């Protein structure tokens, strides 16, 4: 992946996580950290947590 893609992911994921944790997503979309997505056990917190792990690994590989 090129640097623009990593920059977009590296900025977007933490911003989405902050919005979710501050409750802004709940006021706009009705999605909370514990919201059950599509009647599965997957929650937005799990999805963004895994995305943050990918960002950390990507930053570690490319910049450290």
Protein backbone atom coordinates (compact mmCIF):
# COMPACT_ATOMS: atom_id res chain seq x y z
CA UNK A 1 0.00 0.00 0.00
CA UNK A 2 1.27 3.45 -0.77
CA UNK A 3 1.93 6.23 1.74
CA UNK A 4 -1.34 8.06 1.03
CA UNK A 5 -3.33 4.97 1.96
CA UNK A 6 -1.37 4.48 5.20
CA UNK A 7 -1.79 8.17 6.03
CA UNK A 8 -5.56 7.94 5.49
CA UNK A 9 -5.85 4.80 7.60
CA UNK A 10 -3.50 6.19 10.25
CA UNK A 11 -5.58 9.35 10.61
CA UNK A 12 -9.04 7.92 10.04
CA UNK A 13 -9.04 5.02 12.48
CA UNK A 14 -8.05 7.02 15.59
CA UNK A 15 -10.50 9.78 14.67
CA UNK A 16 -13.34 7.26 14.29
CA UNK A 17 -12.33 5.67 17.60
CA UNK A 18 -12.38 9.05 19.37
CA UNK A 19 -15.79 9.88 17.90
CA UNK A 20 -17.14 6.50 19.01
CA UNK A 21 -15.76 6.80 22.55
CA UNK A 22 -16.97 10.40 22.98
CA UNK A 23 -20.49 9.37 22.04
CA UNK A 24 -20.72 11.44 18.86
CA UNK A 25 -21.52 8.34 16.78
CA UNK A 26 -24.41 7.56 19.11
CA UNK A 27 -25.93 10.99 18.63
CA UNK A 28 -25.56 10.86 14.82
CA UNK A 29 -25.96 7.20 13.86
CA UNK A 30 -27.35 5.58 17.01
CA UNK A 31 -24.27 3.34 17.28
CA UNK A 32 -22.71 2.77 20.68
CA UNK A 33 -19.57 0.85 21.66
CA UNK A 34 -21.69 -2.17 22.64
CA UNK A 35 -24.11 -2.06 19.69
CA UNK A 36 -24.62 -5.50 18.16
CA UNK A 37 -23.90 -5.23 14.43
CA UNK A 38 -26.05 -7.32 12.07
CA UNK A 39 -27.22 -9.66 14.86
CA UNK A 40 -23.71 -11.01 15.40
CA UNK A 41 -21.42 -10.70 18.38
CA UNK A 42 -19.31 -8.13 16.51
CA UNK A 43 -19.40 -4.62 17.97
CA UNK A 44 -17.94 -1.35 16.65
CA UNK A 45 -15.50 -1.43 19.56
CA UNK A 46 -14.08 -4.76 18.34
CA UNK A 47 -13.86 -3.56 14.74
CA UNK A 48 -12.08 -0.33 15.64
CA UNK A 49 -9.86 -2.12 18.14
CA UNK A 50 -8.64 -4.48 15.43
CA UNK A 51 -8.21 -1.53 13.05
CA UNK A 52 -6.07 0.23 15.66
CA UNK A 53 -3.89 -2.88 15.94
CA UNK A 54 -3.40 -2.84 12.16
CA UNK A 55 -2.43 0.84 12.31
CA UNK A 56 0.09 0.19 15.07
CA UNK A 57 1.64 -2.73 13.18
CA UNK A 58 1.78 -0.70 9.97
CA UNK A 59 3.39 2.27 11.66
CA UNK A 60 5.83 -0.02 13.41
CA UNK A 61 6.88 -1.71 10.18
CA UNK A 62 7.20 1.43 8.10
CA UNK A 63 8.50 4.06 10.49
CA UNK A 64 10.35 2.32 13.32
